[in-house]
């Protein structure tokens, strides 16, 4: 699902004039085959093309997936059902004047591409724009689109497949690693349905930046090597309000060991009793066996080797490992406040990676029921529901593996392994975030729960609050405690933020009608609303009413009281750590180091992504590249940008101004800042 940022207002940052972009009206409308390379204005010249022989052109392909899994015999590239096959051969559709928005050297290094020598970066960028736009194929690449199905928002959707992504092949790195590379947004495939196979600048920048941000946070994820835009245009109705506009076709190079997902095994599903849909390869258990053999031997070779003579035991060990990897992955999400947004079975990786970045979001103000996807009206994929949804999805994978893995075996594995692995990994990570490094006490989970409850009550910024805790010394000095309470209060939601967050969303007359309907005609009410939504609205009204009677001073006092109560419990727990060690100074230095390496200073907040998108849409890619640099070092203390002198005094000034909605004379907020008030108007769908 594509990501769309929309806002009730437009917030444009001052930026330099367009750099390297054609005039707005140029090349709009229907896309055309680009002229020959030598004749195309702005295209890489012969010198840059020659560099491919020693750079991108030297990549070694070994496309095992296409050799191991059945290929569609038809090469008709129109939307259609694809029975009896896992891949369909396709060709990327060229774009006009491709040019690089940004590239990730660490991601490209996976393929064996070394950082270019001084002065050679421009040639690499030109080559990347040419090959990773789909305008030219790398030697050895075999473009194909993968067939899969999926349960979307809990209902079986039938055939889905790579509607905008294309497998290029598998690159063997000099270290012997195998990496599948994909182009996302490269044009039509048999799985494009009613769409055009294209992605635009907005969604592509978000996916590119978040893929790399998640990796550098230490979370299993697919990677993004390049983001390439063009002068080719597609029409998008951004606000779904009947006012479409032309947007630039943009392509992301994605990298992973594999992009096979839970939904890949759902192509064999018979007719679903609820939706009436079925997979395109019903009754093809021979292909299911092929897929299991391929996936396990390629990505779980140790399991293949251990159970080579017993396929059921092998498949059970495989499912157990997928279960544990998935549990650890979602535990990592919860610990950084990451919300995926569309946890459908077709967006779940078979090797435990975060995959398919659409309407994702990192939480700012802590809210356990936070919903990052504006289309998720029922809150199915809310932050606090992610662990149980991933478990539900594993249940659907278990069903898809029958008869090769009997359901009674997989269901038992799921019940035995998932919750225990999630809770173990989550608490282990939370101990590190709190600097509890020597003792593992039974009440630690209660301390974590009470911290999150305090964050919720005070509207604490999830990322900044955790980061700030490393500076809490546990000192009993009242002045030092008051100083820390002042700092942590700055990370709590201001009165204005809370009023926006709890602003009623339904007209009072509409709410009254819904309440009466719920009582008088529950069947009709169920078609147009849910009790959960009504309850949420009533809570919102109650909170908003209470805020009207609260002063800023009252709010500050209340927040400090809540934090003082929790900090007293935290101090007692830290004292128990100190009792178990011999040198308190060494322990504290180690504690701070571990906390600061597990609590990021920088995450990809929506407002940061939006600022980068708006600058890029105006022709300036500098902000995208600067944000990428920052996200590559999420635990470092400084942004490393000459344009922003970020020190503690400036942060405190900005935080205090944000709390009172006072104007700030600054070119932009530091990337580590709480979001500005306007960011609450951003919606991702």
Foldseek 3Di string as FASTA:
>chain_A
DAKFKDFPDDDAADFDFADPDDPLVPQEDDFDQADPQVPAPQADDPVLVVCCVVAVLPWDFDFVVPVLWAEQPDQPQAADAGAPGFKYFDAFGAFHNKFFLDFDQVQVVVRVGHPDDPPCVVSVRSVCRCDLLRVDDHVPWTKIWGWFWWQWPNHTDAIATQQQKIWRGWTQYPVRATKIKMKGARFTGNRVVPHTSFGFLQRQLQVQQQQLLCVLLVFFAKHWGTKMWHSYWDWDPSVPPPDIDIGITMMIMIMDSDLDFLRSLQLQADQDPPPRYGHNHHPPVVSLVSVVVVCCCRPVVVLCVVPVPPQQSSVLVLLLQQLLLQLLNLLLCLLQQKFQQIPMRSQGHSNNHRGDRHQIFHAFQQDQLAHSAPVPVVSCRGSVNPLVSSLVSSLVSLVSSPPSHDSVSSVVSSVVRRVVSNVVNNLVLVCLLQLVPPDDDPCSVVLVVLVSVLSNVQRATSQVLSLLNLVDPLDPPPVVLVVSLLVRSLRGAALLLLLLVLPQDDDPVVLVVLVVCCVPPVVVSVVPHDPVVSVSNVVSVVSNVVSVVDDRVNSSVVSSVSVVVSSVVSSVSVVVVVVVDDDPVVSSVVSSVSNLSNRFLADPHPVLSVNCSSNVSSNDSVSSHLSSQQSSCRSDDDSPDPQDDDDPVVQSVVSVCQNVVHDDPHSDDPRSHRDHSSSSSIGMD
